[in-house]
């Protein structure tokens, strides 16, 4: 397992925060999520490698935010 930073700056509305919350809960490779000192970054304990995490993380943000 590794700890990765997840940029969540795209999640501004309550709806986007709920969507992000459910996506984090639904991913079997996410083992834990922690707040950081930066408001727009979450620390994610992830059981996959960096490439798998990057692919998964990039799928979260809406098309307009990518």
C-alpha atoms as a PDB file:
ATOM      1  CA  UNK A   1       0.000   0.000   0.000  1.00  0.00           C
ATOM      2  CA  UNK A   2       1.071   3.506  -0.715  1.00  0.00           C
ATOM      3  CA  UNK A   3      -0.041   6.975   0.247  1.00  0.00           C
ATOM      4  CA  UNK A   4      -0.888   9.276  -2.664  1.00  0.00           C
ATOM      5  CA  UNK A   5      -2.093  12.856  -2.911  1.00  0.00           C
ATOM      6  CA  UNK A   6      -5.455  13.369  -4.598  1.00  0.00           C
ATOM      7  CA  UNK A   7      -6.220  16.826  -5.989  1.00  0.00           C
ATOM      8  CA  UNK A   8      -9.885  17.527  -5.297  1.00  0.00           C
ATOM      9  CA  UNK A   9      -9.864  21.221  -6.208  1.00  0.00           C
ATOM     10  CA  UNK A  10     -12.509  20.509  -8.861  1.00  0.00           C
ATOM     11  CA  UNK A  11     -15.057  19.504  -6.161  1.00  0.00           C
ATOM     12  CA  UNK A  12     -16.669  22.839  -5.310  1.00  0.00           C
ATOM     13  CA  UNK A  13     -20.382  22.158  -4.920  1.00  0.00           C
ATOM     14  CA  UNK A  14     -22.118  19.977  -2.349  1.00  0.00           C
ATOM     15  CA  UNK A  15     -23.131  17.631  -5.154  1.00  0.00           C
ATOM     16  CA  UNK A  16     -19.524  17.226  -6.297  1.00  0.00           C
ATOM     17  CA  UNK A  17     -18.427  16.549  -2.703  1.00  0.00           C
ATOM     18  CA  UNK A  18     -21.092  13.844  -2.343  1.00  0.00           C
ATOM     19  CA  UNK A  19     -20.028  12.314  -5.667  1.00  0.00           C
ATOM     20  CA  UNK A  20     -16.385  12.286  -4.528  1.00  0.00           C
ATOM     21  CA  UNK A  21     -17.328  10.773  -1.168  1.00  0.00           C
ATOM     22  CA  UNK A  22     -19.199   7.896  -2.811  1.00  0.00           C
ATOM     23  CA  UNK A  23     -16.448   7.273  -5.359  1.00  0.00           C
ATOM     24  CA  UNK A  24     -13.880   7.027  -2.551  1.00  0.00           C
ATOM     25  CA  UNK A  25     -16.117   4.577  -0.675  1.00  0.00           C
ATOM     26  CA  UNK A  26     -16.814   2.486  -3.777  1.00  0.00           C
ATOM     27  CA  UNK A  27     -13.199   1.970  -4.832  1.00  0.00           C
ATOM     28  CA  UNK A  28     -11.954  -1.345  -3.433  1.00  0.00           C
ATOM     29  CA  UNK A  29      -8.337  -0.184  -3.660  1.00  0.00           C
ATOM     30  CA  UNK A  30      -8.889   2.833  -1.397  1.00  0.00           C
ATOM     31  CA  UNK A  31      -8.024   1.754   2.144  1.00  0.00           C
ATOM     32  CA  UNK A  32      -8.164   5.144   3.834  1.00  0.00           C
ATOM     33  CA  UNK A  33      -8.609   8.854   3.156  1.00  0.00           C
ATOM     34  CA  UNK A  34      -7.092  11.618   5.243  1.00  0.00           C
ATOM     35  CA  UNK A  35      -7.309  15.396   5.231  1.00  0.00           C
ATOM     36  CA  UNK A  36      -4.102  17.319   4.684  1.00  0.00           C
ATOM     37  CA  UNK A  37      -3.155  20.869   5.585  1.00  0.00           C
ATOM     38  CA  UNK A  38      -4.147  21.836   2.051  1.00  0.00           C
ATOM     39  CA  UNK A  39      -7.897  22.128   1.603  1.00  0.00           C
ATOM     40  CA  UNK A  40      -7.836  20.875  -2.003  1.00  0.00           C
ATOM     41  CA  UNK A  41      -5.643  17.786  -1.412  1.00  0.00           C
ATOM     42  CA  UNK A  42      -6.587  14.491   0.217  1.00  0.00           C
ATOM     43  CA  UNK A  43      -4.094  11.809   1.225  1.00  0.00           C
ATOM     44  CA  UNK A  44      -5.312   8.440  -0.037  1.00  0.00           C
ATOM     45  CA  UNK A  45      -4.022   5.076   1.187  1.00  0.00           C
ATOM     46  CA  UNK A  46      -4.225   3.042  -2.014  1.00  0.00           C
ATOM     47  CA  UNK A  47      -3.459  -0.624  -2.630  1.00  0.00           C
ATOM     48  CA  UNK A  48      -2.537  -0.215  -6.315  1.00  0.00           C
ATOM     49  CA  UNK A  49       0.569   1.216  -7.942  1.00  0.00           C
ATOM     50  CA  UNK A  50       1.066   4.839  -9.040  1.00  0.00           C
ATOM     51  CA  UNK A  51      -0.158   4.189 -12.588  1.00  0.00           C
ATOM     52  CA  UNK A  52      -3.409   2.589 -11.399  1.00  0.00           C
ATOM     53  CA  UNK A  53      -3.930   5.418  -8.894  1.00  0.00           C
ATOM     54  CA  UNK A  54      -3.327   8.076 -11.557  1.00  0.00           C
ATOM     55  CA  UNK A  55      -5.810   6.440 -13.928  1.00  0.00           C
ATOM     56  CA  UNK A  56      -8.411   6.125 -11.188  1.00  0.00           C
ATOM     57  CA  UNK A  57      -7.872   9.674  -9.886  1.00  0.00           C
ATOM     58  CA  UNK A  58      -8.139  11.183 -13.369  1.00  0.00           C
ATOM     59  CA  UNK A  59     -11.463   9.421 -13.892  1.00  0.00           C
ATOM     60  CA  UNK A  60     -12.986  11.212 -10.883  1.00  0.00           C
ATOM     61  CA  UNK A  61     -12.914  14.810 -12.060  1.00  0.00           C
ATOM     62  CA  UNK A  62     -15.636  15.932 -14.467  1.00  0.00           C
ATOM     63  CA  UNK A  63     -14.557  16.456 -18.086  1.00  0.00           C
ATOM     64  CA  UNK A  64     -14.522  20.246 -17.685  1.00  0.00           C
ATOM     65  CA  UNK A  65     -12.048  20.056 -14.789  1.00  0.00           C
ATOM     66  CA  UNK A  66      -9.546  17.760 -16.540  1.00  0.00           C
END
